[in-house]
């Protein structure tokens, strides 16, 4: 007799379930991923670097003309975007009018009295100058010997200067449109507007914002705000 046991195929033991795993990547895949991440990081760093230096610039004070506010050799950061100007006539030019006089406007604001700015001077120089904005467009400016600066006939209160000017009284001049009258805080040791005239807005590189070296001078550059001309803050 055939005593072989009949086996139900549906009751055969099954192997325990296994967890699904991702197929292992070869060494080339890991290297490719690493290279891609490195390229992305380098590109992102380059973009941030370009954006930063398009609006910020490091500069160094050369000389003693801005003492006691800034010192010779002091390193500062400039804000190059604050005085950004653009010509609003570009909208009209889209419709074919190409013979318009440039009409520049400031994106944020124009230079203000008390701002310390870095600019290319209107005299031969192998480096930019740094001075304080004193006179604005349309104002009459005069520097009086052993006295001070007068704006529209009213004396300007200037607690930041090293000493009052000792040089001869200058003729009263009117600041032209899109220009500023600048002076050093060290009045008797400064080549500025009382000698060579006005600074056009287009020559301004940026506004001094903060000192970063040496560490003793670390901090915000001391600008000055006036409530009204002649009466101080």
Protein backbone atom coordinates (compact mmCIF):
# COMPACT_ATOMS: atom_id res chain seq x y z
CA UNK A 1 0.00 0.00 0.00
CA UNK A 2 1.13 3.51 -0.65
CA UNK A 3 1.37 5.25 2.68
CA UNK A 4 2.91 8.45 1.36
CA UNK A 5 1.24 11.40 3.01
CA UNK A 6 -0.53 13.73 0.71
CA UNK A 7 0.59 17.30 1.19
CA UNK A 8 -1.72 20.25 0.60
CA UNK A 9 0.28 22.68 -1.44
CA UNK A 10 -1.67 25.60 0.06
CA UNK A 11 -0.34 24.69 3.52
CA UNK A 12 3.33 24.72 2.66
CA UNK A 13 5.36 26.92 5.08
CA UNK A 14 6.29 30.31 3.69
CA UNK A 15 9.42 32.36 4.27
CA UNK A 16 9.07 35.26 6.75
CA UNK A 17 8.39 38.62 5.14
CA UNK A 18 11.41 40.80 4.52
CA UNK A 19 11.68 44.60 4.64
CA UNK A 20 11.93 46.38 1.35
CA UNK A 21 15.25 48.11 0.90
CA UNK A 22 16.49 50.53 -1.73
CA UNK A 23 18.97 49.06 -4.12
CA UNK A 24 22.50 49.81 -3.05
CA UNK A 25 24.16 52.55 -5.03
CA UNK A 26 27.58 52.06 -6.41
CA UNK A 27 30.53 54.27 -5.51
CA UNK A 28 29.99 56.33 -8.65
CA UNK A 29 26.53 57.43 -7.45
CA UNK A 30 27.85 58.67 -4.12
CA UNK A 31 30.67 60.57 -5.82
CA UNK A 32 28.24 62.18 -8.27
CA UNK A 33 25.96 63.32 -5.45
CA UNK A 34 28.90 64.79 -3.56
CA UNK A 35 30.16 66.67 -6.62
CA UNK A 36 26.68 68.05 -7.33
CA UNK A 37 26.29 69.30 -3.76
CA UNK A 38 29.73 70.91 -3.87
CA UNK A 39 28.91 72.71 -7.14
CA UNK A 40 25.59 73.96 -5.73
CA UNK A 41 27.32 75.23 -2.59
CA UNK A 42 30.01 77.03 -4.59
CA UNK A 43 27.43 78.66 -6.88
CA UNK A 44 25.29 79.79 -3.95
CA UNK A 45 28.35 81.23 -2.19
CA UNK A 46 29.37 83.07 -5.36
CA UNK A 47 25.88 84.56 -5.76
CA UNK A 48 25.82 85.76 -2.14
CA UNK A 49 29.34 87.18 -2.53
CA UNK A 50 28.40 89.13 -5.69
CA UNK A 51 25.17 90.44 -4.14
CA UNK A 52 26.98 91.52 -0.96
CA UNK A 53 29.76 93.39 -2.72
CA UNK A 54 27.33 95.04 -5.14
CA UNK A 55 25.90 97.04 -2.22
CA UNK A 56 28.72 96.95 0.35
CA UNK A 57 32.36 97.91 0.00
CA UNK A 58 35.29 98.03 2.40
CA UNK A 59 37.28 101.26 2.48
CA UNK A 60 40.10 102.75 4.50
CA UNK A 61 40.39 106.25 5.95
CA UNK A 62 43.56 107.92 4.68
CA UNK A 63 44.70 110.99 6.59
CA UNK A 64 43.45 113.03 9.52
CA UNK A 65 40.84 115.22 7.84
CA UNK A 66 37.91 113.46 9.56
CA UNK A 67 39.24 113.50 13.11
CA UNK A 68 37.91 113.17 15.73
CA UNK A 69 35.07 111.20 14.09
CA UNK A 70 37.29 108.88 12.01
CA UNK A 71 41.00 108.15 12.28
CA UNK A 72 43.82 107.55 9.83
CA UNK A 73 43.98 103.88 8.84
CA UNK A 74 40.52 103.04 10.13
CA UNK A 75 38.67 100.45 8.04
CA UNK A 76 34.99 101.06 7.32
CA UNK A 77 32.07 99.53 5.42
CA UNK A 78 30.35 101.62 2.74
CA UNK A 79 26.70 101.39 1.77
CA UNK A 80 26.74 101.78 -2.02
CA UNK A 81 22.99 101.30 -2.51
CA UNK A 82 21.60 104.06 -0.28
CA UNK A 83 22.11 106.81 -2.90
CA UNK A 84 21.29 104.67 -5.93
CA UNK A 85 19.92 106.81 -8.78
CA UNK A 86 17.99 105.83 -11.91
CA UNK A 87 16.50 107.69 -14.86
CA UNK A 88 12.68 107.60 -14.79
CA UNK A 89 12.51 108.62 -18.46
CA UNK A 90 13.03 105.01 -19.49
CA UNK A 91 9.24 104.51 -19.45
CA UNK A 92 8.73 107.24 -22.05
CA UNK A 93 11.62 105.91 -24.13
CA UNK A 94 9.72 102.65 -24.51
CA UNK A 95 7.24 104.51 -26.69
CA UNK A 96 9.88 105.95 -29.00
CA UNK A 97 10.86 109.28 -27.45
CA UNK A 98 14.66 109.14 -27.40
CA UNK A 99 15.43 112.85 -27.00
CA UNK A 100 14.70 113.32 -23.31
CA UNK A 101 16.92 115.08 -20.82
CA UNK A 102 17.99 112.52 -18.16
CA UNK A 103 15.74 112.77 -15.11
CA UNK A 104 17.52 110.86 -12.33
CA UNK A 105 15.78 110.15 -9.03
CA UNK A 106 17.03 108.45 -5.87
CA UNK A 107 15.69 104.99 -5.13
CA UNK A 108 15.98 105.55 -1.37
CA UNK A 109 17.11 109.11 -0.64
CA UNK A 110 19.63 111.71 -1.72
CA UNK A 111 22.68 112.57 0.41
CA UNK A 112 21.64 114.31 3.63
CA UNK A 113 23.40 116.87 5.75
CA UNK A 114 25.58 115.10 8.30
CA UNK A 115 26.19 112.00 6.16
CA UNK A 116 29.81 110.89 5.90
CA UNK A 117 30.46 109.89 2.30
CA UNK A 118 33.27 108.46 0.18
CA UNK A 119 33.57 109.94 -3.32
CA UNK A 120 35.86 110.56 -6.25
CA UNK A 121 37.00 114.17 -5.79
CA UNK A 122 36.79 116.78 -8.55
CA UNK A 123 40.56 117.25 -8.33
CA UNK A 124 43.37 114.90 -9.44
CA UNK A 125 43.74 112.08 -6.90
CA UNK A 126 44.78 108.45 -6.98
CA UNK A 127 42.26 107.53 -4.27
CA UNK A 128 38.77 108.55 -3.12
CA UNK A 129 38.11 111.17 -0.41
CA UNK A 130 35.96 110.86 2.70
CA UNK A 131 34.12 113.94 4.04
CA UNK A 132 30.89 115.02 5.71
CA UNK A 133 27.97 116.45 3.73
CA UNK A 134 27.40 120.06 4.86
CA UNK A 135 25.52 121.90 2.09
CA UNK A 136 22.63 120.58 -0.01
CA UNK A 137 21.36 121.63 -3.47
CA UNK A 138 19.99 125.16 -3.54
CA UNK A 139 21.55 126.21 -0.22
CA UNK A 140 23.93 129.12 0.23
CA UNK A 141 27.09 128.11 2.10
CA UNK A 142 29.81 130.25 3.64
CA UNK A 143 32.69 129.37 5.99
CA UNK A 144 33.65 132.25 8.27
CA UNK A 145 37.10 132.54 9.79
CA UNK A 146 37.32 131.82 13.53
CA UNK A 147 33.57 131.26 13.56
CA UNK A 148 31.96 128.41 11.64
CA UNK A 149 29.78 127.37 8.70
CA UNK A 150 26.70 129.35 7.72
CA UNK A 151 23.82 127.87 5.73
CA UNK A 152 21.50 130.47 4.19
CA UNK A 153 22.93 133.00 6.62
CA UNK A 154 22.36 130.88 9.74
CA UNK A 155 25.25 129.34 11.67
CA UNK A 156 25.35 125.54 11.66
CA UNK A 157 25.69 123.84 15.04
CA UNK A 158 28.54 121.32 14.67
CA UNK A 159 29.60 119.59 17.90
CA UNK A 160 31.55 116.95 15.92
CA UNK A 161 34.32 119.19 14.55
CA UNK A 162 37.83 119.20 16.01
CA UNK A 163 38.12 123.00 16.04
CA UNK A 164 36.64 126.05 14.33
CA UNK A 165 38.08 127.05 10.94
CA UNK A 166 41.00 129.46 11.11
CA UNK A 167 41.44 130.02 7.38
CA UNK A 168 40.09 133.17 5.67
CA UNK A 169 36.34 133.58 5.22
CA UNK A 170 35.13 132.04 1.97
CA UNK A 171 32.72 133.69 -0.50
CA UNK A 172 29.09 132.61 -0.12
CA UNK A 173 28.26 130.02 -2.79
CA UNK A 174 25.06 128.29 -3.85
CA UNK A 175 25.14 124.51 -4.15
CA UNK A 176 24.01 123.40 -7.66
CA UNK A 177 21.37 120.78 -8.36
CA UNK A 178 22.61 117.19 -7.92
CA UNK A 179 25.70 118.36 -6.00
CA UNK A 180 26.72 118.58 -2.34
CA UNK A 181 29.13 120.74 -0.36
CA UNK A 182 31.43 118.61 1.80
CA UNK A 183 33.93 119.32 4.57
CA UNK A 184 36.25 117.38 6.85
CA UNK A 185 35.56 117.42 10.58
CA UNK A 186 39.19 118.47 11.11
CA UNK A 187 38.46 121.84 9.50
CA UNK A 188 42.01 123.20 9.57
CA UNK A 189 43.52 120.07 8.06
CA UNK A 190 41.13 119.17 5.27
CA UNK A 191 41.10 119.55 1.49
CA UNK A 192 37.38 119.93 0.82
CA UNK A 193 34.68 122.04 -0.82
CA UNK A 194 35.95 125.28 0.69
CA UNK A 195 39.00 124.83 -1.60
CA UNK A 196 37.85 123.01 -4.74
CA UNK A 197 34.06 123.33 -4.82
CA UNK A 198 31.15 120.93 -5.02
CA UNK A 199 30.85 117.15 -5.39
CA UNK A 200 28.41 115.85 -8.04
CA UNK A 201 26.09 113.08 -6.86
CA UNK A 202 27.38 110.79 -9.61
CA UNK A 203 30.86 110.89 -8.04
CA UNK A 204 29.66 109.53 -4.69
CA UNK A 205 30.72 105.93 -4.09
CA UNK A 206 28.78 105.32 -0.91
CA UNK A 207 27.86 106.28 2.62
CA UNK A 208 30.15 105.24 5.48
CA UNK A 209 28.08 102.98 7.74
CA UNK A 210 30.31 101.12 10.19
CA UNK A 211 33.90 100.81 11.29
CA UNK A 212 35.29 97.30 11.63
CA UNK A 213 39.04 97.73 12.18
CA UNK A 214 40.84 98.31 14.46
CA UNK A 215 38.52 96.72 17.00
CA UNK A 216 38.70 99.81 19.22
CA UNK A 217 36.82 101.68 16.47
CA UNK A 218 34.29 98.91 15.82
CA UNK A 219 30.76 100.27 15.57
CA UNK A 220 28.40 102.58 13.69
CA UNK A 221 30.03 105.56 11.95
CA UNK A 222 28.97 108.74 13.80
CA UNK A 223 26.65 110.52 11.38
CA UNK A 224 24.80 113.59 12.58
CA UNK A 225 21.16 114.54 12.22
CA UNK A 226 19.86 118.12 12.28
CA UNK A 227 16.34 119.10 13.21
CA UNK A 228 16.78 122.39 11.39
CA UNK A 229 19.67 124.40 10.05
CA UNK A 230 21.32 126.60 12.63
CA UNK A 231 19.63 125.29 15.76
CA UNK A 232 21.37 121.92 16.06
CA UNK A 233 19.66 118.67 17.03
